């Protein structure tokens, strides 16, 4: 998460979303996006990330290793939108992607 912070440093908060309970997501400019699920049910939603289209490595569940990812991969469409699924039973119930985690 330190690297995430460094990548998004100085960027404004953007694309805020919440479910009115304990699921929250937001971006930092066009440099990063993070999603949290602290509810007793799964998060299953498509959101505007503000990031350029492409495939990103979730830096919570894994690491970018060359051109591949050891964790979840998130596909952002050309419109900046991506689908996120986080089970309520996951050990780390959040996803973080950023400009430098793009594959």
N, C-alpha and C. Protein backbone atom coordinates (compact mmCIF):
# COMPACT_ATOMS: atom_id res chain seq x y z
N UNK A 1 0.81 -1.20 0.00
CA UNK A 1 0.00 0.00 0.00
C UNK A 1 0.85 1.26 0.00
N UNK A 2 2.08 1.16 0.46
CA UNK A 2 2.97 2.32 0.41
C UNK A 2 3.20 2.72 -1.04
N UNK A 3 3.41 1.73 -1.91
CA UNK A 3 3.62 2.04 -3.33
C UNK A 3 2.36 2.67 -3.93
N UNK A 4 1.18 2.15 -3.57
CA UNK A 4 -0.08 2.74 -4.03
C UNK A 4 -0.12 4.21 -3.64
N UNK A 5 0.19 4.51 -2.39
CA UNK A 5 0.17 5.90 -1.92
C UNK A 5 1.13 6.76 -2.72
N UNK A 6 2.31 6.25 -2.98
CA UNK A 6 3.29 7.02 -3.74
C UNK A 6 2.82 7.29 -5.17
N UNK A 7 2.17 6.31 -5.79
CA UNK A 7 1.70 6.46 -7.17
C UNK A 7 0.59 7.50 -7.26
N UNK A 8 -0.31 7.54 -6.26
CA UNK A 8 -1.46 8.45 -6.32
C UNK A 8 -1.22 9.78 -5.59
N UNK A 9 -0.06 9.96 -5.02
CA UNK A 9 0.23 11.16 -4.24
C UNK A 9 -0.09 12.43 -5.03
N UNK A 10 -0.79 13.34 -4.38
CA UNK A 10 -1.11 14.63 -4.99
C UNK A 10 -2.34 14.62 -5.88
N UNK A 11 -2.92 13.46 -6.11
CA UNK A 11 -4.10 13.35 -6.97
C UNK A 11 -5.37 13.59 -6.15
N UNK A 12 -6.36 14.25 -6.73
CA UNK A 12 -7.60 14.50 -5.99
C UNK A 12 -8.44 13.23 -5.87
N UNK A 13 -9.27 13.18 -4.82
CA UNK A 13 -10.24 12.09 -4.70
C UNK A 13 -11.24 12.21 -5.83
N UNK A 14 -11.64 11.08 -6.40
CA UNK A 14 -12.56 11.10 -7.54
C UNK A 14 -13.39 9.82 -7.55
N UNK A 15 -14.50 9.86 -8.26
CA UNK A 15 -15.34 8.68 -8.51
C UNK A 15 -15.75 7.96 -7.22
N UNK A 16 -16.18 8.75 -6.23
CA UNK A 16 -16.63 8.17 -4.96
C UNK A 16 -17.87 7.32 -5.18
N UNK A 17 -17.92 6.16 -4.53
CA UNK A 17 -19.10 5.31 -4.53
C UNK A 17 -19.22 4.65 -3.16
N UNK A 18 -20.46 4.51 -2.69
CA UNK A 18 -20.71 3.67 -1.51
C UNK A 18 -22.11 3.10 -1.63
N UNK A 19 -22.35 2.04 -0.89
CA UNK A 19 -23.66 1.39 -0.94
C UNK A 19 -24.56 1.86 0.19
N UNK A 20 -24.16 2.92 0.88
CA UNK A 20 -24.94 3.43 2.00
C UNK A 20 -24.71 2.63 3.28
N UNK A 21 -23.76 1.72 3.21
CA UNK A 21 -23.46 0.88 4.36
C UNK A 21 -21.95 0.76 4.51
N UNK A 22 -21.39 -0.41 4.32
CA UNK A 22 -19.96 -0.63 4.55
C UNK A 22 -19.19 -1.07 3.32
N UNK A 23 -19.65 -0.69 2.16
CA UNK A 23 -18.91 -0.91 0.92
C UNK A 23 -18.60 0.47 0.34
N UNK A 24 -17.32 0.71 0.10
CA UNK A 24 -16.85 2.03 -0.33
C UNK A 24 -15.80 1.87 -1.41
N UNK A 25 -15.81 2.80 -2.37
CA UNK A 25 -14.77 2.81 -3.40
C UNK A 25 -14.49 4.26 -3.79
N UNK A 26 -13.25 4.53 -4.18
CA UNK A 26 -12.91 5.86 -4.68
C UNK A 26 -11.60 5.79 -5.44
N UNK A 27 -11.43 6.79 -6.29
CA UNK A 27 -10.20 6.90 -7.05
C UNK A 27 -9.37 8.06 -6.57
N UNK A 28 -8.15 8.10 -7.08
CA UNK A 28 -7.26 9.24 -6.86
C UNK A 28 -6.83 9.70 -8.25
N UNK A 29 -7.56 10.70 -8.76
CA UNK A 29 -7.31 11.19 -10.12
C UNK A 29 -7.44 10.04 -11.10
N UNK A 30 -6.51 10.01 -12.06
CA UNK A 30 -6.49 8.89 -13.02
C UNK A 30 -5.30 7.98 -12.73
N UNK A 31 -4.88 7.95 -11.45
CA UNK A 31 -3.69 7.18 -11.06
C UNK A 31 -3.99 5.94 -10.22
N UNK A 32 -5.14 5.88 -9.56
CA UNK A 32 -5.42 4.71 -8.73
C UNK A 32 -6.88 4.62 -8.33
N UNK A 33 -7.28 3.41 -7.92
CA UNK A 33 -8.66 3.17 -7.50
C UNK A 33 -8.64 2.06 -6.45
N UNK A 34 -9.46 2.23 -5.41
CA UNK A 34 -9.49 1.25 -4.32
C UNK A 34 -10.94 0.96 -3.93
N UNK A 35 -11.22 -0.29 -3.61
CA UNK A 35 -12.56 -0.75 -3.28
C UNK A 35 -12.49 -1.54 -1.96
N UNK A 36 -13.40 -1.23 -1.03
CA UNK A 36 -13.45 -1.90 0.28
C UNK A 36 -14.81 -2.58 0.47
N UNK A 37 -14.80 -3.77 1.02
CA UNK A 37 -16.04 -4.45 1.39
C UNK A 37 -15.96 -4.86 2.86
N UNK A 38 -16.67 -4.13 3.70
CA UNK A 38 -16.71 -4.47 5.12
C UNK A 38 -18.13 -4.85 5.54
N UNK A 39 -18.91 -5.34 4.56
CA UNK A 39 -20.27 -5.78 4.83
C UNK A 39 -20.31 -7.29 5.06
N UNK A 40 -21.47 -7.77 5.47
CA UNK A 40 -21.67 -9.20 5.70
C UNK A 40 -22.15 -9.92 4.44
N UNK A 41 -22.04 -9.26 3.29
CA UNK A 41 -22.42 -9.86 2.01
C UNK A 41 -21.41 -9.42 0.96
N UNK A 42 -21.43 -10.11 -0.16
CA UNK A 42 -20.46 -9.84 -1.23
C UNK A 42 -20.70 -8.48 -1.88
N UNK A 43 -19.63 -7.88 -2.33
CA UNK A 43 -19.68 -6.68 -3.17
C UNK A 43 -19.59 -7.17 -4.61
N UNK A 44 -20.52 -6.75 -5.45
CA UNK A 44 -20.57 -7.17 -6.85
C UNK A 44 -21.10 -5.99 -7.65
N UNK A 45 -20.18 -5.17 -8.21
CA UNK A 45 -20.59 -3.90 -8.79
C UNK A 45 -19.63 -3.48 -9.91
N UNK A 46 -20.15 -2.73 -10.86
CA UNK A 46 -19.34 -2.12 -11.91
C UNK A 46 -19.24 -0.63 -11.61
N UNK A 47 -18.00 -0.12 -11.59
CA UNK A 47 -17.76 1.27 -11.18
C UNK A 47 -16.87 2.00 -12.16
N UNK A 48 -17.00 3.33 -12.18
CA UNK A 48 -16.11 4.18 -12.96
C UNK A 48 -14.84 4.40 -12.16
N UNK A 49 -13.72 3.92 -12.69
CA UNK A 49 -12.44 4.02 -11.97
C UNK A 49 -11.68 5.29 -12.28
N UNK A 50 -11.92 5.87 -13.46
CA UNK A 50 -11.14 7.02 -13.89
C UNK A 50 -9.80 6.63 -14.49
N UNK A 51 -9.49 5.34 -14.51
CA UNK A 51 -8.22 4.86 -15.06
C UNK A 51 -8.35 4.58 -16.56
N UNK A 52 -7.25 4.67 -17.29
CA UNK A 52 -7.27 4.30 -18.71
C UNK A 52 -7.59 2.81 -18.86
N UNK A 53 -8.18 2.46 -19.99
CA UNK A 53 -8.51 1.07 -20.26
C UNK A 53 -7.29 0.17 -20.22
N UNK A 54 -7.50 -1.08 -19.82
CA UNK A 54 -6.43 -2.06 -19.78
C UNK A 54 -6.65 -3.04 -18.65
N UNK A 55 -5.71 -3.94 -18.48
CA UNK A 55 -5.77 -4.93 -17.41
C UNK A 55 -4.78 -4.53 -16.32
N UNK A 56 -5.25 -4.56 -15.08
CA UNK A 56 -4.46 -4.12 -13.94
C UNK A 56 -4.32 -5.26 -12.93
N UNK A 57 -3.20 -5.28 -12.25
CA UNK A 57 -2.95 -6.24 -11.19
C UNK A 57 -3.41 -5.64 -9.86
N UNK A 58 -4.27 -6.37 -9.15
CA UNK A 58 -4.68 -5.96 -7.81
C UNK A 58 -3.48 -6.11 -6.88
N UNK A 59 -3.03 -5.01 -6.31
CA UNK A 59 -1.81 -5.03 -5.50
C UNK A 59 -2.06 -5.50 -4.06
N UNK A 60 -3.31 -5.83 -3.74
CA UNK A 60 -3.62 -6.39 -2.43
C UNK A 60 -3.47 -7.91 -2.47
N UNK A 61 -4.02 -8.55 -3.51
CA UNK A 61 -3.99 -10.02 -3.60
C UNK A 61 -2.73 -10.56 -4.25
N UNK A 62 -1.94 -9.68 -4.87
CA UNK A 62 -0.73 -10.15 -5.54
C UNK A 62 0.17 -9.01 -5.94
N UNK A 63 1.08 -9.32 -6.84
CA UNK A 63 2.04 -8.33 -7.33
C UNK A 63 2.17 -8.44 -8.84
N UNK A 64 2.52 -7.33 -9.45
CA UNK A 64 2.86 -7.33 -10.86
C UNK A 64 4.26 -7.94 -10.97
N UNK A 65 4.38 -8.94 -11.82
CA UNK A 65 5.65 -9.64 -12.00
C UNK A 65 5.95 -9.67 -13.49
N UNK A 66 6.71 -8.68 -13.96
CA UNK A 66 6.92 -8.55 -15.41
C UNK A 66 5.61 -8.20 -16.07
N UNK A 67 5.17 -9.02 -17.00
CA UNK A 67 3.91 -8.78 -17.69
C UNK A 67 2.76 -9.59 -17.14
N UNK A 68 2.94 -10.20 -15.96
CA UNK A 68 1.87 -11.00 -15.38
C UNK A 68 1.55 -10.53 -13.96
N UNK A 69 0.52 -11.15 -13.39
CA UNK A 69 0.06 -10.77 -12.06
C UNK A 69 -0.08 -12.03 -11.21
N UNK A 70 0.38 -11.98 -9.97
CA UNK A 70 0.28 -13.12 -9.08
C UNK A 70 -1.04 -13.14 -8.31
N UNK A 71 -1.88 -12.12 -8.49
CA UNK A 71 -3.16 -12.04 -7.79
C UNK A 71 -4.30 -11.83 -8.77
N UNK A 72 -5.35 -11.17 -8.30
CA UNK A 72 -6.51 -10.88 -9.13
C UNK A 72 -6.13 -9.90 -10.23
N UNK A 73 -6.77 -10.06 -11.39
CA UNK A 73 -6.62 -9.10 -12.48
C UNK A 73 -7.94 -8.39 -12.68
N UNK A 74 -7.88 -7.09 -12.84
CA UNK A 74 -9.06 -6.25 -13.04
C UNK A 74 -8.97 -5.63 -14.43
N UNK A 75 -10.01 -5.81 -15.23
CA UNK A 75 -10.04 -5.24 -16.58
C UNK A 75 -10.85 -3.96 -16.56
N UNK A 76 -10.22 -2.87 -16.95
CA UNK A 76 -10.87 -1.57 -17.07
C UNK A 76 -11.17 -1.34 -18.54
N UNK A 77 -12.42 -1.05 -18.86
CA UNK A 77 -12.82 -0.80 -20.23
C UNK A 77 -12.35 0.55 -20.72
N UNK A 78 -12.51 0.79 -22.00
CA UNK A 78 -12.13 2.06 -22.60
C UNK A 78 -12.88 3.24 -22.01
N UNK A 79 -14.03 2.96 -21.39
CA UNK A 79 -14.83 4.01 -20.74
C UNK A 79 -14.43 4.23 -19.28
N UNK A 80 -13.39 3.52 -18.82
CA UNK A 80 -12.91 3.69 -17.45
C UNK A 80 -13.64 2.86 -16.42
N UNK A 81 -14.61 2.05 -16.86
CA UNK A 81 -15.40 1.25 -15.93
C UNK A 81 -14.82 -0.15 -15.76
N UNK A 82 -14.97 -0.70 -14.55
CA UNK A 82 -14.49 -2.05 -14.25
C UNK A 82 -15.46 -2.74 -13.31
N UNK A 83 -15.53 -4.05 -13.43
CA UNK A 83 -16.37 -4.85 -12.53
C UNK A 83 -15.53 -5.34 -11.35
N UNK A 84 -16.09 -5.23 -10.16
CA UNK A 84 -15.41 -5.66 -8.94
C UNK A 84 -16.29 -6.66 -8.20
N UNK A 85 -15.67 -7.75 -7.76
CA UNK A 85 -16.35 -8.72 -6.90
C UNK A 85 -15.44 -8.99 -5.71
N UNK A 86 -15.97 -8.78 -4.51
CA UNK A 86 -15.23 -9.07 -3.28
C UNK A 86 -16.18 -9.82 -2.35
N UNK A 87 -15.87 -11.07 -2.08
CA UNK A 87 -16.66 -11.87 -1.15
C UNK A 87 -16.53 -11.31 0.26
N UNK A 88 -17.57 -11.46 1.05
CA UNK A 88 -17.50 -11.02 2.44
C UNK A 88 -16.61 -11.93 3.28
N UNK A 89 -16.21 -13.08 2.74
CA UNK A 89 -15.38 -14.00 3.51
C UNK A 89 -13.90 -13.94 3.14
N UNK A 90 -13.53 -13.02 2.25
CA UNK A 90 -12.12 -12.90 1.86
C UNK A 90 -11.29 -12.39 3.03
N UNK A 91 -10.07 -12.90 3.12
CA UNK A 91 -9.17 -12.49 4.20
C UNK A 91 -8.86 -11.00 4.12
N UNK A 92 -8.61 -10.51 2.91
CA UNK A 92 -8.38 -9.08 2.67
C UNK A 92 -9.49 -8.58 1.76
N UNK A 93 -10.58 -8.07 2.33
CA UNK A 93 -11.75 -7.72 1.52
C UNK A 93 -11.65 -6.35 0.84
N UNK A 94 -10.57 -6.15 0.10
CA UNK A 94 -10.45 -4.93 -0.69
C UNK A 94 -9.56 -5.18 -1.90
N UNK A 95 -9.67 -4.28 -2.87
CA UNK A 95 -8.91 -4.34 -4.12
C UNK A 95 -8.31 -2.97 -4.36
N UNK A 96 -7.06 -2.93 -4.78
CA UNK A 96 -6.40 -1.66 -5.12
C UNK A 96 -5.64 -1.83 -6.43
N UNK A 97 -5.89 -0.93 -7.36
CA UNK A 97 -5.17 -0.92 -8.64
C UNK A 97 -4.63 0.49 -8.87
N UNK A 98 -3.53 0.58 -9.60
CA UNK A 98 -2.97 1.90 -9.87
C UNK A 98 -2.23 1.89 -11.20
N UNK A 99 -1.84 3.07 -11.64
CA UNK A 99 -1.23 3.24 -12.96
C UNK A 99 -0.03 2.33 -13.18
N UNK A 100 0.76 2.10 -12.15
CA UNK A 100 1.95 1.27 -12.31
C UNK A 100 1.68 -0.22 -12.16
N UNK A 101 0.41 -0.60 -11.87
CA UNK A 101 0.07 -2.02 -11.80
C UNK A 101 -0.60 -2.49 -13.10
N UNK A 102 -0.63 -1.60 -14.10
CA UNK A 102 -1.21 -1.97 -15.40
C UNK A 102 -0.29 -2.98 -16.09
N UNK A 103 -0.90 -4.06 -16.58
CA UNK A 103 -0.12 -5.11 -17.24
C UNK A 103 0.13 -4.77 -18.70
